[in-house]
N, C-alpha and C. Protein backbone atom coordinates (compact mmCIF):
# COMPACT_ATOMS: atom_id res chain seq x y z
N UNK A 1 6.85 5.83 -38.09
CA UNK A 1 6.99 5.21 -36.77
C UNK A 1 6.01 4.05 -36.58
N UNK A 2 4.79 4.25 -37.09
CA UNK A 2 3.76 3.22 -36.91
C UNK A 2 4.20 1.89 -37.55
N UNK A 3 4.65 1.95 -38.80
CA UNK A 3 5.05 0.73 -39.49
C UNK A 3 6.25 0.07 -38.83
N UNK A 4 7.19 0.90 -38.35
CA UNK A 4 8.37 0.35 -37.67
C UNK A 4 7.95 -0.41 -36.41
N UNK A 5 7.08 0.20 -35.60
CA UNK A 5 6.63 -0.45 -34.37
C UNK A 5 5.80 -1.69 -34.67
N UNK A 6 4.99 -1.63 -35.73
CA UNK A 6 4.19 -2.78 -36.11
C UNK A 6 5.09 -3.97 -36.44
N UNK A 7 6.12 -3.73 -37.25
CA UNK A 7 7.05 -4.81 -37.60
C UNK A 7 7.83 -5.29 -36.38
N UNK A 8 8.27 -4.35 -35.55
CA UNK A 8 9.07 -4.69 -34.38
C UNK A 8 8.28 -5.54 -33.39
N UNK A 9 7.03 -5.16 -33.14
CA UNK A 9 6.22 -5.87 -32.15
C UNK A 9 5.75 -7.21 -32.67
N UNK A 10 5.24 -7.24 -33.90
CA UNK A 10 4.64 -8.49 -34.42
C UNK A 10 5.68 -9.54 -34.76
N UNK A 11 6.93 -9.16 -34.96
CA UNK A 11 7.97 -10.15 -35.22
C UNK A 11 8.40 -10.87 -33.95
N UNK A 12 7.93 -10.36 -32.81
CA UNK A 12 8.31 -10.97 -31.54
C UNK A 12 7.59 -12.27 -31.24
N UNK A 13 6.55 -12.61 -32.05
CA UNK A 13 5.77 -13.84 -31.86
C UNK A 13 5.28 -13.97 -30.41
N UNK A 14 5.85 -14.92 -29.67
CA UNK A 14 5.35 -15.21 -28.32
C UNK A 14 5.63 -14.10 -27.31
N UNK A 15 6.53 -13.20 -27.63
CA UNK A 15 6.86 -12.13 -26.67
C UNK A 15 6.24 -10.79 -27.08
N UNK A 16 5.37 -10.80 -28.08
CA UNK A 16 4.79 -9.55 -28.57
C UNK A 16 4.05 -8.80 -27.48
N UNK A 17 3.29 -9.52 -26.67
CA UNK A 17 2.55 -8.87 -25.60
C UNK A 17 3.49 -8.26 -24.57
N UNK A 18 4.61 -8.94 -24.30
CA UNK A 18 5.59 -8.38 -23.36
C UNK A 18 6.21 -7.11 -23.93
N UNK A 19 6.44 -7.09 -25.24
CA UNK A 19 7.00 -5.89 -25.87
C UNK A 19 6.01 -4.73 -25.74
N UNK A 20 4.73 -4.99 -26.00
CA UNK A 20 3.69 -3.97 -25.85
C UNK A 20 3.66 -3.47 -24.41
N UNK A 21 3.72 -4.39 -23.46
CA UNK A 21 3.69 -4.07 -22.04
C UNK A 21 4.83 -3.12 -21.67
N UNK A 22 6.04 -3.46 -22.10
CA UNK A 22 7.22 -2.64 -21.76
C UNK A 22 7.14 -1.27 -22.44
N UNK A 23 6.71 -1.24 -23.70
CA UNK A 23 6.61 0.04 -24.41
C UNK A 23 5.60 0.96 -23.72
N UNK A 24 4.47 0.41 -23.28
CA UNK A 24 3.45 1.22 -22.62
C UNK A 24 3.96 1.81 -21.30
N UNK A 25 4.69 1.02 -20.54
CA UNK A 25 5.29 1.56 -19.31
C UNK A 25 6.26 2.67 -19.66
N UNK A 26 7.08 2.44 -20.69
CA UNK A 26 8.06 3.45 -21.11
C UNK A 26 7.37 4.72 -21.61
N UNK A 27 6.21 4.57 -22.28
CA UNK A 27 5.45 5.73 -22.75
C UNK A 27 5.02 6.58 -21.56
N UNK A 28 4.58 5.91 -20.49
CA UNK A 28 4.20 6.63 -19.28
C UNK A 28 5.35 7.38 -18.65
N UNK A 29 6.58 6.90 -18.90
CA UNK A 29 7.77 7.52 -18.33
C UNK A 29 8.41 8.54 -19.27
N UNK A 30 7.74 8.81 -20.39
CA UNK A 30 8.24 9.86 -21.27
C UNK A 30 8.82 9.41 -22.59
N UNK A 31 8.76 8.10 -22.91
CA UNK A 31 9.22 7.65 -24.22
C UNK A 31 8.42 8.37 -25.30
N UNK A 32 9.10 9.02 -26.25
CA UNK A 32 8.39 9.84 -27.25
C UNK A 32 7.67 9.01 -28.31
N UNK A 33 6.79 8.14 -27.86
CA UNK A 33 5.96 7.33 -28.76
C UNK A 33 4.52 7.48 -28.28
N UNK A 34 3.59 7.80 -29.17
CA UNK A 34 2.19 7.90 -28.76
C UNK A 34 1.71 6.59 -28.13
N UNK A 35 1.10 6.69 -26.98
CA UNK A 35 0.65 5.51 -26.24
C UNK A 35 -0.35 4.66 -27.02
N UNK A 36 -1.12 5.31 -27.89
CA UNK A 36 -2.16 4.59 -28.61
C UNK A 36 -1.60 3.60 -29.64
N UNK A 37 -0.38 3.85 -30.11
CA UNK A 37 0.15 3.01 -31.19
C UNK A 37 0.33 1.55 -30.76
N UNK A 38 1.04 1.25 -29.65
CA UNK A 38 1.15 -0.17 -29.27
C UNK A 38 -0.20 -0.79 -28.92
N UNK A 39 -1.14 0.01 -28.41
CA UNK A 39 -2.47 -0.54 -28.11
C UNK A 39 -3.21 -0.87 -29.41
N UNK A 40 -3.11 0.01 -30.39
CA UNK A 40 -3.72 -0.25 -31.69
C UNK A 40 -3.12 -1.50 -32.33
N UNK A 41 -1.81 -1.66 -32.18
CA UNK A 41 -1.13 -2.84 -32.75
C UNK A 41 -1.65 -4.12 -32.10
N UNK A 42 -1.97 -4.06 -30.81
CA UNK A 42 -2.56 -5.25 -30.16
C UNK A 42 -3.90 -5.59 -30.81
N UNK A 43 -4.64 -4.57 -31.24
CA UNK A 43 -5.90 -4.81 -31.96
C UNK A 43 -5.66 -5.48 -33.30
N UNK A 44 -4.60 -5.06 -33.99
CA UNK A 44 -4.25 -5.70 -35.27
C UNK A 44 -3.90 -7.17 -35.05
N UNK A 45 -3.20 -7.45 -33.97
CA UNK A 45 -2.82 -8.84 -33.66
C UNK A 45 -4.05 -9.68 -33.32
N UNK A 46 -5.06 -9.06 -32.73
CA UNK A 46 -6.32 -9.78 -32.48
C UNK A 46 -6.95 -10.17 -33.81
N UNK A 47 -6.97 -9.22 -34.75
CA UNK A 47 -7.54 -9.48 -36.06
C UNK A 47 -6.81 -10.62 -36.78
N UNK A 48 -5.50 -10.69 -36.58
CA UNK A 48 -4.68 -11.75 -37.21
C UNK A 48 -4.80 -13.08 -36.49
N UNK A 49 -5.44 -13.09 -35.32
CA UNK A 49 -5.58 -14.32 -34.55
C UNK A 49 -4.37 -14.66 -33.70
N UNK A 50 -3.42 -13.70 -33.58
CA UNK A 50 -2.21 -13.96 -32.82
C UNK A 50 -2.48 -13.93 -31.31
N UNK A 51 -3.41 -13.09 -30.88
CA UNK A 51 -3.77 -12.99 -29.47
C UNK A 51 -5.28 -12.81 -29.37
N UNK A 52 -5.83 -12.93 -28.17
CA UNK A 52 -7.26 -12.68 -28.01
C UNK A 52 -7.47 -11.35 -27.27
N UNK A 53 -8.72 -10.90 -27.27
CA UNK A 53 -9.03 -9.58 -26.73
C UNK A 53 -8.71 -9.48 -25.25
N UNK A 54 -9.04 -10.51 -24.49
CA UNK A 54 -8.84 -10.44 -23.03
C UNK A 54 -7.37 -10.26 -22.68
N UNK A 55 -6.48 -10.96 -23.40
CA UNK A 55 -5.04 -10.81 -23.15
C UNK A 55 -4.56 -9.42 -23.55
N UNK A 56 -5.04 -8.94 -24.70
CA UNK A 56 -4.63 -7.61 -25.16
C UNK A 56 -5.10 -6.54 -24.17
N UNK A 57 -6.33 -6.67 -23.70
CA UNK A 57 -6.86 -5.68 -22.75
C UNK A 57 -6.09 -5.72 -21.43
N UNK A 58 -5.84 -6.91 -20.92
CA UNK A 58 -5.13 -7.03 -19.64
C UNK A 58 -3.73 -6.44 -19.73
N UNK A 59 -2.99 -6.79 -20.78
CA UNK A 59 -1.62 -6.30 -20.93
C UNK A 59 -1.59 -4.79 -21.14
N UNK A 60 -2.48 -4.29 -21.98
CA UNK A 60 -2.51 -2.85 -22.26
C UNK A 60 -2.89 -2.06 -21.02
N UNK A 61 -3.93 -2.50 -20.31
CA UNK A 61 -4.34 -1.81 -19.09
C UNK A 61 -3.22 -1.85 -18.05
N UNK A 62 -2.57 -2.99 -17.91
CA UNK A 62 -1.50 -3.13 -16.92
C UNK A 62 -0.34 -2.19 -17.24
N UNK A 63 0.09 -2.17 -18.50
CA UNK A 63 1.19 -1.31 -18.90
C UNK A 63 0.88 0.16 -18.70
N UNK A 64 -0.34 0.55 -19.08
CA UNK A 64 -0.77 1.94 -18.94
C UNK A 64 -0.80 2.36 -17.48
N UNK A 65 -1.44 1.56 -16.63
CA UNK A 65 -1.61 1.94 -15.23
C UNK A 65 -0.31 1.87 -14.44
N UNK A 66 0.56 0.92 -14.77
CA UNK A 66 1.86 0.85 -14.09
C UNK A 66 2.70 2.08 -14.45
N UNK A 67 2.72 2.45 -15.73
CA UNK A 67 3.46 3.64 -16.14
C UNK A 67 2.95 4.89 -15.45
N UNK A 68 1.62 5.02 -15.38
CA UNK A 68 1.03 6.18 -14.71
C UNK A 68 1.35 6.17 -13.21
N UNK A 69 1.32 4.99 -12.61
CA UNK A 69 1.58 4.87 -11.17
C UNK A 69 3.01 5.24 -10.83
N UNK A 70 3.95 4.88 -11.69
CA UNK A 70 5.36 5.22 -11.46
C UNK A 70 5.52 6.74 -11.44
N UNK A 71 4.86 7.43 -12.37
CA UNK A 71 4.90 8.89 -12.40
C UNK A 71 4.31 9.46 -11.12
N UNK A 72 3.17 8.91 -10.69
CA UNK A 72 2.52 9.37 -9.46
C UNK A 72 3.47 9.22 -8.27
N UNK A 73 4.08 8.04 -8.13
CA UNK A 73 4.93 7.78 -6.97
C UNK A 73 6.22 8.59 -7.01
N UNK A 74 6.70 8.89 -8.22
CA UNK A 74 7.88 9.77 -8.33
C UNK A 74 7.55 11.15 -7.77
N UNK A 75 6.35 11.65 -8.12
CA UNK A 75 5.93 12.94 -7.59
C UNK A 75 5.71 12.89 -6.08
N UNK A 76 5.13 11.80 -5.60
CA UNK A 76 4.84 11.68 -4.17
C UNK A 76 6.13 11.51 -3.36
N UNK A 77 7.07 10.75 -3.90
CA UNK A 77 8.28 10.43 -3.14
C UNK A 77 9.32 11.54 -3.21
N UNK A 78 9.54 12.10 -4.40
CA UNK A 78 10.64 13.05 -4.57
C UNK A 78 10.19 14.48 -4.89
N UNK A 79 8.98 14.63 -5.40
CA UNK A 79 8.43 15.96 -5.66
C UNK A 79 9.27 16.82 -6.58
N UNK A 80 9.37 18.10 -6.24
CA UNK A 80 10.03 19.07 -7.10
C UNK A 80 11.50 18.74 -7.31
N UNK A 81 12.12 18.10 -6.33
CA UNK A 81 13.56 17.80 -6.44
C UNK A 81 13.88 17.00 -7.69
N UNK A 82 13.10 15.94 -7.95
CA UNK A 82 13.40 15.09 -9.09
C UNK A 82 13.06 15.80 -10.40
N UNK A 83 12.07 16.71 -10.37
CA UNK A 83 11.70 17.42 -11.60
C UNK A 83 12.79 18.38 -12.05
N UNK A 84 13.73 18.70 -11.14
CA UNK A 84 14.83 19.60 -11.49
C UNK A 84 16.02 18.86 -12.08
N UNK A 85 15.95 17.52 -12.10
CA UNK A 85 17.03 16.74 -12.70
C UNK A 85 17.10 17.06 -14.20
N UNK A 86 18.30 17.16 -14.75
CA UNK A 86 18.45 17.66 -16.11
C UNK A 86 17.79 16.76 -17.16
N UNK A 87 17.67 15.47 -16.89
CA UNK A 87 17.02 14.58 -17.84
C UNK A 87 15.50 14.54 -17.60
N UNK A 88 15.11 14.42 -16.36
CA UNK A 88 13.68 14.31 -16.03
C UNK A 88 12.96 15.62 -16.35
N UNK A 89 13.66 16.75 -16.20
CA UNK A 89 13.03 18.04 -16.48
C UNK A 89 12.66 18.19 -17.96
N UNK A 90 13.25 17.35 -18.82
CA UNK A 90 12.88 17.38 -20.24
C UNK A 90 11.55 16.66 -20.48
N UNK A 91 11.21 15.75 -19.56
CA UNK A 91 9.96 15.00 -19.67
C UNK A 91 8.85 15.71 -18.89
N UNK A 92 9.18 16.07 -17.64
CA UNK A 92 8.22 16.76 -16.78
C UNK A 92 8.75 18.17 -16.54
N UNK A 93 8.40 19.08 -17.41
CA UNK A 93 8.95 20.43 -17.36
C UNK A 93 8.31 21.23 -16.23
N UNK A 94 9.11 22.03 -15.53
CA UNK A 94 8.59 22.83 -14.42
C UNK A 94 7.38 23.68 -14.79
N UNK A 95 7.39 24.27 -16.00
CA UNK A 95 6.24 25.08 -16.40
C UNK A 95 4.98 24.24 -16.60
N UNK A 96 5.16 22.97 -16.99
CA UNK A 96 4.01 22.07 -17.13
C UNK A 96 3.46 21.70 -15.75
N UNK A 97 4.35 21.56 -14.77
CA UNK A 97 3.89 21.29 -13.40
C UNK A 97 3.09 22.46 -12.88
N UNK A 98 3.53 23.68 -13.19
CA UNK A 98 2.76 24.86 -12.78
C UNK A 98 1.39 24.88 -13.44
N UNK A 99 1.35 24.50 -14.72
CA UNK A 99 0.06 24.43 -15.42
C UNK A 99 -0.83 23.37 -14.80
N UNK A 100 -0.22 22.24 -14.41
CA UNK A 100 -0.99 21.16 -13.76
C UNK A 100 -1.54 21.65 -12.43
N UNK A 101 -0.75 22.46 -11.71
CA UNK A 101 -1.20 23.01 -10.43
C UNK A 101 -2.42 23.90 -10.61
N UNK A 102 -2.38 24.75 -11.64
CA UNK A 102 -3.51 25.64 -11.92
C UNK A 102 -4.75 24.83 -12.29
N UNK A 103 -4.53 23.82 -13.15
CA UNK A 103 -5.66 22.98 -13.58
C UNK A 103 -6.25 22.21 -12.41
N UNK A 104 -5.38 21.74 -11.50
CA UNK A 104 -5.87 20.98 -10.35
C UNK A 104 -6.68 21.87 -9.41
N UNK A 105 -6.21 23.11 -9.21
CA UNK A 105 -6.96 24.02 -8.34
C UNK A 105 -8.33 24.34 -8.92
N UNK A 106 -8.42 24.37 -10.24
CA UNK A 106 -9.68 24.73 -10.89
C UNK A 106 -10.64 23.55 -10.98
N UNK A 107 -10.10 22.36 -11.30
CA UNK A 107 -10.98 21.21 -11.58
C UNK A 107 -10.90 20.10 -10.54
N UNK A 108 -9.94 20.18 -9.62
CA UNK A 108 -9.83 19.15 -8.59
C UNK A 108 -9.48 17.79 -9.18
N UNK A 109 -10.07 16.74 -8.60
CA UNK A 109 -9.74 15.38 -9.01
C UNK A 109 -10.18 15.06 -10.44
N UNK A 110 -11.06 15.89 -11.00
CA UNK A 110 -11.51 15.67 -12.38
C UNK A 110 -10.34 15.73 -13.35
N UNK A 111 -9.30 16.49 -12.99
CA UNK A 111 -8.17 16.67 -13.89
C UNK A 111 -7.41 15.35 -14.10
N UNK A 112 -7.52 14.42 -13.15
CA UNK A 112 -6.89 13.10 -13.32
C UNK A 112 -7.54 12.40 -14.50
N UNK A 113 -8.86 12.43 -14.54
CA UNK A 113 -9.60 11.80 -15.64
C UNK A 113 -9.28 12.48 -16.96
N UNK A 114 -9.33 13.80 -16.96
CA UNK A 114 -9.07 14.56 -18.19
C UNK A 114 -7.64 14.34 -18.67
N UNK A 115 -6.69 14.29 -17.73
CA UNK A 115 -5.29 14.16 -18.08
C UNK A 115 -4.95 12.90 -18.85
N UNK A 116 -5.69 11.84 -18.61
CA UNK A 116 -5.45 10.57 -19.31
C UNK A 116 -5.59 10.72 -20.81
N UNK A 117 -6.39 11.70 -21.25
CA UNK A 117 -6.66 11.87 -22.67
C UNK A 117 -5.83 12.98 -23.32
N UNK A 118 -4.88 13.54 -22.57
CA UNK A 118 -4.08 14.64 -23.12
C UNK A 118 -2.60 14.25 -23.15
N UNK A 119 -2.11 13.70 -24.26
CA UNK A 119 -0.69 13.36 -24.36
C UNK A 119 0.18 14.59 -24.15
N UNK A 120 1.27 14.41 -23.44
CA UNK A 120 2.18 15.53 -23.17
C UNK A 120 1.85 16.26 -21.89
N UNK A 121 0.57 16.22 -21.48
CA UNK A 121 0.16 16.87 -20.24
C UNK A 121 -0.14 15.84 -19.17
N UNK A 122 -0.24 14.58 -19.59
CA UNK A 122 -0.60 13.50 -18.68
C UNK A 122 0.43 13.33 -17.56
N UNK A 123 1.71 13.22 -17.94
CA UNK A 123 2.76 13.00 -16.94
C UNK A 123 2.85 14.14 -15.92
N UNK A 124 2.87 15.41 -16.35
CA UNK A 124 2.91 16.49 -15.35
C UNK A 124 1.72 16.48 -14.39
N UNK A 125 0.52 16.16 -14.90
CA UNK A 125 -0.66 16.11 -14.04
C UNK A 125 -0.52 15.00 -13.00
N UNK A 126 -0.15 13.80 -13.44
CA UNK A 126 -0.03 12.67 -12.52
C UNK A 126 1.10 12.90 -11.53
N UNK A 127 2.18 13.53 -12.00
CA UNK A 127 3.30 13.86 -11.12
C UNK A 127 2.85 14.84 -10.05
N UNK A 128 2.11 15.86 -10.45
CA UNK A 128 1.64 16.86 -9.50
C UNK A 128 0.65 16.26 -8.50
N UNK A 129 -0.22 15.37 -8.97
CA UNK A 129 -1.17 14.71 -8.07
C UNK A 129 -0.40 13.93 -7.00
N UNK A 130 0.71 13.29 -7.40
CA UNK A 130 1.56 12.61 -6.44
C UNK A 130 2.19 13.58 -5.47
N UNK A 131 2.65 14.71 -5.98
CA UNK A 131 3.25 15.74 -5.12
C UNK A 131 2.26 16.22 -4.05
N UNK A 132 0.99 16.31 -4.44
CA UNK A 132 -0.04 16.74 -3.49
C UNK A 132 -0.42 15.64 -2.50
N UNK A 133 0.19 14.45 -2.72
CA UNK A 133 -0.06 13.30 -1.84
C UNK A 133 -1.55 12.94 -1.76
N UNK A 134 -2.20 13.05 -2.91
CA UNK A 134 -3.58 12.57 -2.99
C UNK A 134 -3.57 11.05 -2.85
N UNK A 135 -4.66 10.50 -2.38
CA UNK A 135 -4.75 9.05 -2.18
C UNK A 135 -4.39 8.30 -3.47
N UNK A 136 -3.46 7.36 -3.35
CA UNK A 136 -3.06 6.58 -4.52
C UNK A 136 -4.24 5.79 -5.07
N UNK A 137 -5.06 5.23 -4.19
CA UNK A 137 -6.17 4.40 -4.65
C UNK A 137 -7.23 5.25 -5.35
N UNK A 138 -7.40 6.50 -4.88
CA UNK A 138 -8.30 7.42 -5.58
C UNK A 138 -7.75 7.72 -6.96
N UNK A 139 -6.45 8.03 -7.02
CA UNK A 139 -5.80 8.30 -8.30
C UNK A 139 -5.95 7.11 -9.24
N UNK A 140 -5.65 5.91 -8.75
CA UNK A 140 -5.69 4.72 -9.58
C UNK A 140 -7.10 4.42 -10.06
N UNK A 141 -8.09 4.67 -9.21
CA UNK A 141 -9.49 4.42 -9.59
C UNK A 141 -9.92 5.35 -10.72
N UNK A 142 -9.64 6.64 -10.56
CA UNK A 142 -10.04 7.61 -11.59
C UNK A 142 -9.28 7.36 -12.88
N UNK A 143 -7.98 7.14 -12.77
CA UNK A 143 -7.17 6.86 -13.95
C UNK A 143 -7.61 5.55 -14.62
N UNK A 144 -7.94 4.56 -13.79
CA UNK A 144 -8.38 3.27 -14.32
C UNK A 144 -9.69 3.39 -15.08
N UNK A 145 -10.63 4.19 -14.55
CA UNK A 145 -11.90 4.40 -15.24
C UNK A 145 -11.67 5.04 -16.61
N UNK A 146 -10.79 6.05 -16.63
CA UNK A 146 -10.47 6.72 -17.90
C UNK A 146 -9.80 5.75 -18.87
N UNK A 147 -8.89 4.92 -18.35
CA UNK A 147 -8.20 3.95 -19.20
C UNK A 147 -9.15 2.89 -19.74
N UNK A 148 -10.17 2.54 -18.95
CA UNK A 148 -11.14 1.55 -19.40
C UNK A 148 -12.01 2.09 -20.54
N UNK A 149 -11.96 3.40 -20.74
CA UNK A 149 -12.64 3.99 -21.89
C UNK A 149 -11.70 4.02 -23.09
N UNK A 150 -10.49 4.56 -22.86
CA UNK A 150 -9.57 4.78 -23.98
C UNK A 150 -8.94 3.50 -24.53
N UNK A 151 -8.51 2.60 -23.64
CA UNK A 151 -7.78 1.40 -24.09
C UNK A 151 -8.64 0.50 -24.99
N UNK A 152 -9.86 0.10 -24.56
CA UNK A 152 -10.67 -0.75 -25.45
C UNK A 152 -10.98 -0.08 -26.79
N UNK A 153 -11.17 1.25 -26.76
CA UNK A 153 -11.46 1.95 -28.02
C UNK A 153 -10.31 1.80 -29.00
N UNK A 154 -9.06 2.01 -28.51
CA UNK A 154 -7.91 1.89 -29.40
C UNK A 154 -7.70 0.45 -29.86
N UNK A 155 -8.00 -0.51 -28.99
CA UNK A 155 -7.88 -1.92 -29.40
C UNK A 155 -8.84 -2.22 -30.55
N UNK A 156 -10.08 -1.76 -30.42
CA UNK A 156 -11.09 -2.02 -31.45
C UNK A 156 -10.77 -1.28 -32.74
N UNK A 157 -10.19 -0.10 -32.64
CA UNK A 157 -9.77 0.63 -33.83
C UNK A 157 -8.74 -0.19 -34.60
N UNK A 158 -7.76 -0.74 -33.88
CA UNK A 158 -6.75 -1.59 -34.53
C UNK A 158 -7.36 -2.83 -35.15
N UNK A 159 -8.31 -3.44 -34.47
CA UNK A 159 -8.95 -4.66 -34.97
C UNK A 159 -9.79 -4.37 -36.21
N UNK A 160 -10.56 -3.29 -36.18
CA UNK A 160 -11.47 -2.98 -37.28
C UNK A 160 -10.73 -2.60 -38.56
N UNK A 161 -9.63 -1.83 -38.40
CA UNK A 161 -8.91 -1.33 -39.57
C UNK A 161 -7.63 -2.11 -39.86
N UNK A 162 -7.52 -3.31 -39.32
CA UNK A 162 -6.29 -4.10 -39.46
C UNK A 162 -5.93 -4.38 -40.91
N UNK A 163 -6.92 -4.53 -41.78
CA UNK A 163 -6.67 -4.87 -43.18
C UNK A 163 -6.41 -3.65 -44.05
N UNK A 164 -6.52 -2.47 -43.47
CA UNK A 164 -6.35 -1.25 -44.26
C UNK A 164 -5.53 -0.25 -43.43
N UNK A 165 -4.22 -0.39 -43.47
CA UNK A 165 -3.35 0.43 -42.63
C UNK A 165 -3.43 1.93 -42.92
N UNK A 166 -3.51 2.36 -44.20
CA UNK A 166 -3.69 3.80 -44.44
C UNK A 166 -4.96 4.35 -43.78
N UNK A 167 -6.05 3.59 -43.89
CA UNK A 167 -7.30 4.01 -43.24
C UNK A 167 -7.14 4.00 -41.72
N UNK A 168 -6.35 3.05 -41.22
CA UNK A 168 -6.11 2.98 -39.78
C UNK A 168 -5.40 4.23 -39.28
N UNK A 169 -4.37 4.66 -40.00
CA UNK A 169 -3.64 5.85 -39.58
C UNK A 169 -4.54 7.09 -39.61
N UNK A 170 -5.42 7.16 -40.62
CA UNK A 170 -6.37 8.28 -40.68
C UNK A 170 -7.36 8.20 -39.52
N UNK A 171 -7.79 6.97 -39.20
CA UNK A 171 -8.73 6.79 -38.09
C UNK A 171 -8.12 7.23 -36.77
N UNK A 172 -6.83 6.93 -36.58
CA UNK A 172 -6.13 7.34 -35.35
C UNK A 172 -6.11 8.86 -35.24
N UNK A 173 -5.78 9.54 -36.34
CA UNK A 173 -5.72 11.00 -36.33
C UNK A 173 -7.10 11.59 -36.05
N UNK A 174 -8.13 11.05 -36.70
CA UNK A 174 -9.49 11.57 -36.52
C UNK A 174 -9.99 11.32 -35.11
N UNK A 175 -9.66 10.15 -34.56
CA UNK A 175 -10.11 9.84 -33.21
C UNK A 175 -9.43 10.74 -32.19
N UNK A 176 -8.15 11.04 -32.42
CA UNK A 176 -7.44 11.96 -31.52
C UNK A 176 -8.08 13.34 -31.56
N UNK A 177 -8.42 13.81 -32.77
CA UNK A 177 -9.05 15.12 -32.89
C UNK A 177 -10.43 15.10 -32.24
N UNK A 178 -11.17 14.02 -32.45
CA UNK A 178 -12.49 13.91 -31.84
C UNK A 178 -12.40 13.89 -30.33
N UNK A 179 -11.40 13.18 -29.79
CA UNK A 179 -11.21 13.13 -28.34
C UNK A 179 -10.89 14.52 -27.80
N UNK A 180 -10.04 15.26 -28.52
CA UNK A 180 -9.68 16.60 -28.09
C UNK A 180 -10.91 17.51 -28.05
N UNK A 181 -11.76 17.40 -29.07
CA UNK A 181 -12.97 18.24 -29.11
C UNK A 181 -13.92 17.88 -27.97
N UNK A 182 -14.04 16.58 -27.68
CA UNK A 182 -14.89 16.15 -26.57
C UNK A 182 -14.36 16.70 -25.25
N UNK A 183 -13.04 16.65 -25.07
CA UNK A 183 -12.44 17.16 -23.84
C UNK A 183 -12.66 18.66 -23.69
N UNK A 184 -12.52 19.39 -24.80
CA UNK A 184 -12.78 20.82 -24.76
C UNK A 184 -14.22 21.09 -24.34
N UNK A 185 -15.13 20.29 -24.88
CA UNK A 185 -16.55 20.44 -24.54
C UNK A 185 -16.77 20.16 -23.05
N UNK A 186 -16.12 19.09 -22.53
CA UNK A 186 -16.27 18.74 -21.12
C UNK A 186 -15.73 19.85 -20.23
N UNK A 187 -14.55 20.39 -20.59
CA UNK A 187 -13.96 21.48 -19.81
C UNK A 187 -14.89 22.70 -19.81
N UNK A 188 -15.47 23.00 -20.97
CA UNK A 188 -16.40 24.12 -21.05
C UNK A 188 -17.62 23.90 -20.15
N UNK A 189 -18.09 22.65 -20.08
CA UNK A 189 -19.20 22.33 -19.20
C UNK A 189 -18.81 22.54 -17.74
N UNK A 190 -17.59 22.13 -17.38
CA UNK A 190 -17.10 22.33 -16.01
C UNK A 190 -17.08 23.83 -15.67
N UNK A 191 -16.55 24.62 -16.60
CA UNK A 191 -16.46 26.07 -16.37
C UNK A 191 -17.86 26.67 -16.23
N UNK A 192 -18.76 26.29 -17.15
CA UNK A 192 -20.12 26.80 -17.11
C UNK A 192 -20.83 26.38 -15.82
N UNK A 193 -20.65 25.10 -15.44
CA UNK A 193 -21.28 24.60 -14.22
C UNK A 193 -20.76 25.33 -12.99
N UNK A 194 -19.45 25.58 -12.96
CA UNK A 194 -18.85 26.30 -11.84
C UNK A 194 -19.38 27.73 -11.76
N UNK A 195 -19.51 28.37 -12.91
CA UNK A 195 -20.02 29.74 -12.95
C UNK A 195 -21.47 29.80 -12.46
N UNK A 196 -22.31 28.87 -12.96
CA UNK A 196 -23.72 28.85 -12.56
C UNK A 196 -23.84 28.57 -11.06
N UNK A 197 -23.04 27.65 -10.56
CA UNK A 197 -23.09 27.32 -9.14
C UNK A 197 -22.71 28.51 -8.28
N UNK A 198 -21.68 29.25 -8.68
CA UNK A 198 -21.27 30.43 -7.92
C UNK A 198 -22.33 31.51 -7.95
N UNK A 199 -22.92 31.72 -9.12
CA UNK A 199 -23.98 32.73 -9.24
C UNK A 199 -25.18 32.37 -8.37
N UNK A 200 -25.53 31.08 -8.39
CA UNK A 200 -26.66 30.62 -7.59
C UNK A 200 -26.38 30.80 -6.10
N UNK A 201 -25.15 30.46 -5.70
CA UNK A 201 -24.77 30.59 -4.29
C UNK A 201 -24.81 32.04 -3.83
N UNK A 202 -24.30 32.96 -4.67
CA UNK A 202 -24.29 34.39 -4.34
C UNK A 202 -25.72 34.90 -4.18
N UNK A 203 -26.59 34.53 -5.11
CA UNK A 203 -27.98 35.00 -5.05
C UNK A 203 -28.71 34.41 -3.85
N UNK A 204 -28.41 33.14 -3.55
CA UNK A 204 -29.06 32.49 -2.42
C UNK A 204 -28.66 33.17 -1.11
N UNK A 205 -27.36 33.43 -0.96
CA UNK A 205 -26.86 34.09 0.26
C UNK A 205 -27.41 35.51 0.34
N UNK A 206 -27.43 36.22 -0.79
CA UNK A 206 -27.93 37.60 -0.79
C UNK A 206 -29.41 37.63 -0.45
N UNK A 207 -30.17 36.66 -0.98
CA UNK A 207 -31.61 36.59 -0.70
C UNK A 207 -31.89 36.35 0.77
N UNK A 208 -31.09 35.49 1.40
CA UNK A 208 -31.27 35.20 2.83
C UNK A 208 -30.96 36.41 3.68
N UNK A 209 -29.94 37.18 3.28
CA UNK A 209 -29.57 38.36 4.04
C UNK A 209 -30.68 39.41 3.97
N UNK A 210 -31.31 39.55 2.80
CA UNK A 210 -32.36 40.55 2.63
C UNK A 210 -33.59 40.21 3.47
N UNK A 211 -33.80 38.89 3.69
CA UNK A 211 -34.94 38.45 4.51
C UNK A 211 -34.68 38.79 5.98
């Protein structure tokens, strides 16, 4: 898939950035292509001198955030009704929405940030956040901060490994695994912090009552 997309996008010459932009929006809507691939390809194009970093960053960020925003507004506007559609239910599965609900109750707005780094779970989380009618600007800010971490990283990965595609594919796999491990660590910290806070609150309240 990677080589096919690389050839497809880079043969577009002057419209390559538009192709990346459209693919990224489609990825947000459930296109079964890893979002990182078109972003990595923009990094390869930077290495080749076809585009510059600022254009690649702007187009990638725009495509990512527009795709995420469409999912958010679909959840806010139509909610569960649209998730029951026979085609949309294949992208945003009801059981994934239930999982997003559980995660949101446990982690609150933090799940928006975490969701950006979890392919396959991102759309249900953003859809559910829309269903809850959370502030769009809050959603966009948190999602944008997360994207400002992930997007430049993938661009630089493409730029650094542009001359060695096999190494690039390995780097993508390793970075995905590393990101997953970091997220697991962050979630564990959230759980530990929540547990410590509850224990401290219980002891504080109990101590005051004894006085």
